[in-house]
Amino acid sequence: MTISREDPRFWDVRLLERRIRHGLLNKKDVEKHLKTLPDVADKAAPAVLDEEDDSNAE
C-alpha cells in the first residue's frame, strides 16, 4: 500500500528521514509542506506534570 503525499500520514515526522534517504522526498519538499501548515499556537495548552512527593524518598 502506497501512501500519497496528500495523506497526512505521509508527512509523519517519524518517517521523514527515511523518505529523504530513499529519495521519496528532499528537504525542500519538507520545508514547502511545513509552510502550508496552519499556525495553531493559540490552541496550545500548558503541559501539567505530576510532581512526586520526595519527602518519603530516603
N, C-alpha and C. Protein backbone atom coordinates (compact mmCIF):
# COMPACT_ATOMS: atom_id res chain seq x y z
N MET A 1 0.83 -1.17 0.00
CA MET A 1 0.00 0.00 0.00
C MET A 1 0.89 1.25 0.00
N THR A 2 0.68 2.09 -0.97
CA THR A 2 1.43 3.33 -1.08
C THR A 2 0.58 4.48 -0.55
N ILE A 3 1.20 5.30 0.27
CA ILE A 3 0.53 6.46 0.83
C ILE A 3 0.89 7.66 -0.03
N SER A 4 -0.12 8.42 -0.47
CA SER A 4 0.14 9.58 -1.30
C SER A 4 0.57 10.78 -0.45
N ARG A 5 1.13 11.77 -1.10
CA ARG A 5 1.57 12.98 -0.39
C ARG A 5 0.40 13.75 0.20
N GLU A 6 -0.79 13.54 -0.31
CA GLU A 6 -1.96 14.24 0.22
C GLU A 6 -2.42 13.65 1.56
N ASP A 7 -2.01 12.44 1.84
CA ASP A 7 -2.37 11.77 3.09
C ASP A 7 -1.48 12.30 4.22
N PRO A 8 -2.07 12.78 5.31
CA PRO A 8 -1.25 13.31 6.42
C PRO A 8 -0.22 12.31 6.95
N ARG A 9 -0.51 11.02 6.84
CA ARG A 9 0.45 10.01 7.33
C ARG A 9 1.76 10.05 6.56
N PHE A 10 1.74 10.53 5.32
CA PHE A 10 2.96 10.62 4.52
C PHE A 10 3.97 11.54 5.19
N TRP A 11 3.48 12.57 5.89
CA TRP A 11 4.34 13.58 6.49
C TRP A 11 4.65 13.29 7.95
N ASP A 12 4.42 12.07 8.40
CA ASP A 12 4.73 11.68 9.78
C ASP A 12 6.22 11.92 10.04
N VAL A 13 6.52 12.72 11.04
CA VAL A 13 7.91 13.10 11.32
C VAL A 13 8.80 11.90 11.64
N ARG A 14 8.19 10.82 12.09
CA ARG A 14 9.00 9.63 12.39
C ARG A 14 9.50 8.95 11.14
N LEU A 15 8.92 9.28 9.99
CA LEU A 15 9.30 8.63 8.73
C LEU A 15 9.97 9.58 7.73
N LEU A 16 10.02 10.86 8.03
CA LEU A 16 10.56 11.81 7.06
C LEU A 16 12.00 11.52 6.68
N GLU A 17 12.86 11.26 7.65
CA GLU A 17 14.27 10.99 7.34
C GLU A 17 14.41 9.76 6.44
N ARG A 18 13.61 8.74 6.68
CA ARG A 18 13.65 7.54 5.85
C ARG A 18 13.21 7.87 4.42
N ARG A 19 12.15 8.66 4.29
CA ARG A 19 11.68 9.05 2.96
C ARG A 19 12.73 9.88 2.22
N ILE A 20 13.46 10.73 2.96
CA ILE A 20 14.53 11.51 2.34
C ILE A 20 15.65 10.58 1.89
N ARG A 21 16.07 9.64 2.74
CA ARG A 21 17.14 8.69 2.39
C ARG A 21 16.77 7.86 1.17
N HIS A 22 15.51 7.49 1.04
CA HIS A 22 15.06 6.65 -0.07
C HIS A 22 14.74 7.46 -1.32
N GLY A 23 14.90 8.78 -1.25
CA GLY A 23 14.69 9.62 -2.41
C GLY A 23 13.23 9.96 -2.70
N LEU A 24 12.34 9.67 -1.76
CA LEU A 24 10.93 9.99 -1.96
C LEU A 24 10.66 11.46 -1.67
N LEU A 25 11.54 12.09 -0.92
CA LEU A 25 11.42 13.49 -0.54
C LEU A 25 12.80 14.11 -0.52
N ASN A 26 12.83 15.43 -0.60
CA ASN A 26 14.07 16.13 -0.28
C ASN A 26 13.71 17.20 0.75
N LYS A 27 14.73 17.81 1.31
CA LYS A 27 14.48 18.76 2.40
C LYS A 27 13.66 19.96 1.94
N LYS A 28 13.78 20.34 0.68
CA LYS A 28 12.97 21.45 0.16
C LYS A 28 11.50 21.07 0.14
N ASP A 29 11.19 19.80 -0.17
CA ASP A 29 9.79 19.34 -0.13
C ASP A 29 9.23 19.46 1.28
N VAL A 30 10.02 19.08 2.27
CA VAL A 30 9.58 19.14 3.66
C VAL A 30 9.35 20.59 4.08
N GLU A 31 10.29 21.48 3.74
CA GLU A 31 10.14 22.89 4.09
C GLU A 31 8.90 23.49 3.43
N LYS A 32 8.67 23.14 2.17
CA LYS A 32 7.49 23.64 1.46
C LYS A 32 6.21 23.17 2.14
N HIS A 33 6.17 21.90 2.54
CA HIS A 33 4.99 21.36 3.22
C HIS A 33 4.76 22.06 4.57
N LEU A 34 5.84 22.27 5.32
CA LEU A 34 5.71 22.91 6.63
C LEU A 34 5.15 24.33 6.51
N LYS A 35 5.48 25.03 5.44
CA LYS A 35 4.96 26.38 5.23
C LYS A 35 3.46 26.38 4.96
N THR A 36 2.92 25.26 4.50
CA THR A 36 1.49 25.20 4.19
C THR A 36 0.64 24.90 5.42
N LEU A 37 1.28 24.48 6.51
CA LEU A 37 0.53 24.13 7.71
C LEU A 37 0.04 25.37 8.44
N PRO A 38 -1.17 25.33 8.97
CA PRO A 38 -1.68 26.49 9.68
C PRO A 38 -0.98 26.67 11.03
N ASP A 39 -0.94 27.91 11.51
CA ASP A 39 -0.38 28.21 12.82
C ASP A 39 -1.46 27.95 13.87
N VAL A 40 -1.24 26.98 14.72
CA VAL A 40 -2.23 26.63 15.75
C VAL A 40 -1.69 26.89 17.16
N ALA A 41 -0.72 27.78 17.26
CA ALA A 41 -0.11 28.08 18.56
C ALA A 41 -1.13 28.57 19.57
N ASP A 42 -2.18 29.25 19.09
CA ASP A 42 -3.18 29.77 20.01
C ASP A 42 -4.05 28.66 20.62
N LYS A 43 -3.95 27.46 20.08
CA LYS A 43 -4.72 26.33 20.60
C LYS A 43 -3.92 25.49 21.60
N ALA A 44 -2.67 25.87 21.83
CA ALA A 44 -1.81 25.10 22.72
C ALA A 44 -2.26 25.24 24.17
N ALA A 45 -2.07 24.17 24.91
CA ALA A 45 -2.38 24.17 26.34
C ALA A 45 -1.11 23.81 27.10
N PRO A 46 -0.89 24.40 28.25
CA PRO A 46 0.31 24.06 29.01
C PRO A 46 0.27 22.61 29.49
N ALA A 47 1.42 21.99 29.50
CA ALA A 47 1.52 20.62 29.99
C ALA A 47 1.56 20.64 31.51
N VAL A 48 0.80 19.77 32.13
CA VAL A 48 0.77 19.68 33.58
C VAL A 48 1.42 18.36 33.97
N LEU A 49 2.49 18.46 34.72
CA LEU A 49 3.22 17.28 35.17
C LEU A 49 2.94 17.04 36.64
N ASP A 50 2.72 15.80 37.00
CA ASP A 50 2.53 15.47 38.40
C ASP A 50 3.90 15.43 39.06
N GLU A 51 4.06 16.22 40.10
CA GLU A 51 5.31 16.22 40.84
C GLU A 51 5.19 15.20 41.96
N GLU A 52 6.21 14.33 42.03
CA GLU A 52 6.19 13.31 43.09
C GLU A 52 6.64 13.93 44.40
N ASP A 53 6.09 13.44 45.48
CA ASP A 53 6.45 13.89 46.81
C ASP A 53 7.78 13.23 47.18
N ASP A 54 8.86 14.02 47.26
CA ASP A 54 10.18 13.48 47.55
C ASP A 54 10.46 13.34 49.05
N SER A 55 9.51 13.66 49.90
CA SER A 55 9.76 13.60 51.35
C SER A 55 9.91 12.18 51.85
N ASN A 56 9.40 11.18 51.14
CA ASN A 56 9.50 9.78 51.56
C ASN A 56 10.58 9.01 50.82
N ALA A 57 11.42 9.70 50.07
CA ALA A 57 12.41 9.02 49.24
C ALA A 57 13.74 8.88 49.96
N GLU A 58 13.76 8.23 51.09
CA GLU A 58 15.02 8.05 51.83
C GLU A 58 15.58 6.70 51.64
